[in-house]
N, C-alpha and C. Protein backbone atom coordinates (compact mmCIF):
# COMPACT_ATOMS: atom_id res chain seq x y z
N UNK A 1 -62.69 107.78 133.35
CA UNK A 1 -63.24 108.70 134.25
C UNK A 1 -62.13 108.54 135.35
N UNK A 2 -62.07 109.64 135.94
CA UNK A 2 -60.72 109.79 136.97
C UNK A 2 -61.37 109.40 138.38
N UNK A 3 -59.97 108.75 138.77
CA UNK A 3 -60.32 108.47 140.46
C UNK A 3 -58.86 108.69 140.93
N UNK A 4 -59.06 108.73 142.06
CA UNK A 4 -58.07 108.92 143.03
C UNK A 4 -57.89 107.82 143.85
N UNK A 5 -56.53 107.35 143.70
CA UNK A 5 -56.00 106.12 144.41
C UNK A 5 -56.06 106.65 145.89
N UNK A 6 -56.73 105.86 146.72
CA UNK A 6 -56.26 105.70 148.15
C UNK A 6 -55.48 104.73 149.16
N UNK A 7 -55.67 103.53 148.30
CA UNK A 7 -54.66 102.48 149.06
C UNK A 7 -53.64 101.81 147.46
N UNK A 8 -52.61 102.02 147.72
CA UNK A 8 -51.33 101.20 146.72
C UNK A 8 -52.11 100.25 146.17
N UNK A 9 -51.96 99.94 144.81
CA UNK A 9 -52.30 98.95 144.19
C UNK A 9 -51.41 98.77 142.38
N UNK A 10 -51.42 97.83 142.18
CA UNK A 10 -50.80 97.18 140.79
C UNK A 10 -51.63 97.79 139.63
N UNK A 11 -51.27 98.47 138.34
CA UNK A 11 -52.09 98.67 137.05
C UNK A 11 -51.29 99.30 136.46
N UNK A 12 -51.43 98.76 135.20
CA UNK A 12 -50.62 99.33 134.26
C UNK A 12 -49.00 98.87 133.89
N UNK A 13 -48.88 97.73 134.76
CA UNK A 13 -47.61 97.25 135.06
C UNK A 13 -46.75 98.01 136.02
N UNK A 14 -47.46 98.71 137.11
CA UNK A 14 -46.50 99.74 137.73
C UNK A 14 -47.19 99.90 139.21
N UNK A 15 -46.92 100.04 140.27
CA UNK A 15 -47.36 100.44 141.22
C UNK A 15 -48.16 101.66 141.43
N UNK A 16 -49.15 101.99 141.60
CA UNK A 16 -49.99 103.10 141.75
C UNK A 16 -49.81 103.45 143.35
N UNK A 17 -49.45 104.74 143.77
CA UNK A 17 -49.50 105.15 145.10
C UNK A 17 -50.77 105.86 145.75
N UNK A 18 -51.00 105.87 146.94
CA UNK A 18 -51.93 106.75 146.96
C UNK A 18 -51.66 108.16 146.87
N UNK A 19 -53.10 108.81 146.59
CA UNK A 19 -52.90 110.10 145.93
C UNK A 19 -52.94 110.61 144.61
N UNK A 20 -52.31 109.48 143.94
CA UNK A 20 -52.17 109.44 142.52
C UNK A 20 -53.52 109.90 141.54
N UNK A 21 -53.91 110.19 140.75
CA UNK A 21 -55.00 110.58 140.16
C UNK A 21 -54.82 109.95 138.61
N UNK A 22 -55.82 109.07 138.43
CA UNK A 22 -55.54 108.17 137.45
C UNK A 22 -56.85 108.19 136.09
N UNK A 23 -56.78 108.25 134.86
CA UNK A 23 -57.90 107.95 134.18
C UNK A 23 -58.16 106.74 133.55
N UNK A 24 -59.19 105.92 134.01
CA UNK A 24 -59.61 104.69 133.63
C UNK A 24 -61.09 104.58 132.88
N UNK A 25 -61.23 103.38 132.14
CA UNK A 25 -62.83 103.63 131.66
C UNK A 25 -63.73 103.09 132.61
N UNK A 26 -64.99 103.39 132.59
CA UNK A 26 -65.96 103.56 133.43
C UNK A 26 -66.10 102.16 134.21
N UNK A 27 -66.19 101.11 133.54
CA UNK A 27 -66.50 99.73 134.10
C UNK A 27 -65.12 99.27 135.07
N UNK A 28 -63.83 99.65 134.45
CA UNK A 28 -62.71 99.64 135.42
C UNK A 28 -62.38 100.42 136.94
N UNK A 29 -62.90 101.68 136.67
CA UNK A 29 -63.14 102.54 137.60
C UNK A 29 -64.15 102.12 138.78
N UNK A 30 -65.06 101.69 138.34
CA UNK A 30 -65.97 101.15 139.12
C UNK A 30 -65.66 100.05 139.89
N UNK A 31 -64.90 99.02 139.04
CA UNK A 31 -64.22 97.53 140.18
C UNK A 31 -63.18 98.34 140.97
N UNK A 32 -62.52 98.83 140.48
CA UNK A 32 -61.25 99.70 141.53
C UNK A 32 -62.33 100.18 142.88
N UNK A 33 -63.10 101.22 142.11
CA UNK A 33 -63.94 101.93 143.62
C UNK A 33 -64.39 101.09 144.68
N UNK A 34 -65.11 99.89 143.57
CA UNK A 34 -66.16 98.96 144.45
C UNK A 34 -65.03 97.99 145.64
N UNK A 35 -63.57 97.77 145.10
CA UNK A 35 -62.98 97.05 146.03
C UNK A 35 -62.07 98.05 147.03
N UNK A 36 -62.38 99.47 146.97
CA UNK A 36 -61.84 100.20 148.16
C UNK A 36 -60.80 101.01 147.96
N UNK A 37 -60.21 100.86 147.07
CA UNK A 37 -58.78 100.90 146.36
C UNK A 37 -58.53 102.53 145.73
N UNK A 38 -59.74 102.91 145.75
CA UNK A 38 -59.80 104.31 144.70
C UNK A 38 -61.32 104.96 145.14
N UNK A 39 -61.07 106.18 144.66
CA UNK A 39 -62.34 106.99 145.28
C UNK A 39 -62.32 107.86 143.77
N UNK A 40 -64.08 108.07 143.33
CA UNK A 40 -64.05 109.20 142.28
C UNK A 40 -63.44 110.43 142.27
N UNK A 41 -63.22 111.11 141.56
CA UNK A 41 -62.80 112.70 141.99
C UNK A 41 -63.84 113.22 141.82
N UNK A 42 -64.97 112.92 141.47
CA UNK A 42 -66.33 113.58 141.53
C UNK A 42 -66.74 114.04 142.94
N UNK A 43 -66.20 112.63 143.86
CA UNK A 43 -66.84 112.53 145.16
C UNK A 43 -66.70 113.96 145.99
N UNK A 44 -65.30 114.70 145.52
CA UNK A 44 -65.18 116.03 146.16
C UNK A 44 -66.15 116.88 146.06
N UNK A 45 -66.79 116.87 145.22
CA UNK A 45 -68.39 117.94 145.25
C UNK A 45 -69.43 117.41 145.91
N UNK A 46 -69.59 117.78 147.03
CA UNK A 46 -70.63 117.34 147.89
C UNK A 46 -72.14 117.81 147.48
N UNK A 47 -71.96 118.81 146.72
CA UNK A 47 -73.35 119.71 146.26
C UNK A 47 -74.43 118.71 145.44
N UNK A 48 -73.91 117.38 144.78
CA UNK A 48 -74.33 116.83 143.61
C UNK A 48 -75.44 116.25 144.35
N UNK A 49 -75.74 115.55 145.56
CA UNK A 49 -76.85 114.87 146.04
C UNK A 49 -78.05 115.89 146.01
N UNK A 50 -77.85 117.02 146.95
CA UNK A 50 -79.21 117.85 147.02
C UNK A 50 -79.56 118.21 145.57
N UNK A 51 -78.84 118.65 144.47
CA UNK A 51 -79.55 118.93 143.46
C UNK A 51 -80.26 117.68 142.75
N UNK A 52 -79.80 116.56 142.89
CA UNK A 52 -80.74 115.82 142.47
C UNK A 52 -82.11 115.26 142.98
N UNK A 53 -81.93 115.51 144.41
CA UNK A 53 -83.24 115.71 145.16
C UNK A 53 -84.39 116.72 144.84
N UNK A 54 -83.88 117.96 144.48
CA UNK A 54 -84.43 119.18 144.09
C UNK A 54 -84.88 118.91 142.71
N UNK A 55 -84.33 118.28 141.85
CA UNK A 55 -84.96 118.22 140.28
C UNK A 55 -86.13 116.90 140.57
N UNK A 56 -85.65 115.95 141.26
CA UNK A 56 -87.04 115.02 141.53
C UNK A 56 -88.45 115.63 141.91
N UNK A 57 -88.09 116.80 142.73
CA UNK A 57 -89.23 117.57 143.55
C UNK A 57 -89.77 118.28 142.54
N UNK A 58 -88.99 118.90 141.76
CA UNK A 58 -89.70 119.75 140.70
C UNK A 58 -90.40 119.07 139.35
N UNK A 59 -89.67 117.72 139.15
CA UNK A 59 -90.23 116.98 138.20
C UNK A 59 -91.82 116.54 138.85
N UNK A 60 -92.00 116.37 140.02
CA UNK A 60 -92.72 115.59 140.47
C UNK A 60 -94.04 116.73 140.65
N UNK A 61 -93.98 118.15 140.80
CA UNK A 61 -94.82 119.12 140.93
C UNK A 61 -95.26 119.26 139.45
N UNK A 62 -94.52 119.10 138.39
CA UNK A 62 -94.74 119.51 136.82
C UNK A 62 -95.84 118.11 136.37
N UNK A 63 -95.71 116.99 137.06
CA UNK A 63 -96.38 115.74 136.80
C UNK A 63 -98.05 116.07 137.56
N UNK A 64 -97.83 116.83 138.77
CA UNK A 64 -99.14 117.16 139.60
C UNK A 64 -99.94 117.75 138.86
N UNK A 65 -99.30 118.69 138.02
CA UNK A 65 -100.35 119.97 137.42
C UNK A 65 -100.90 119.29 136.51
């Protein structure tokens, strides 16, 4: 999972600077993002949340019928 470094930190035996994009396993990426040292690259796509809401409403309509 790709993440963008927001605060410099050590990983892979070297210092990662702010703005670098690195690829980590999902669990490690979640840990680093949880610490506030990085952000998911997918966060740049702001349209993701409304699509989820539309899917839930459509599913609710199908269940109601």
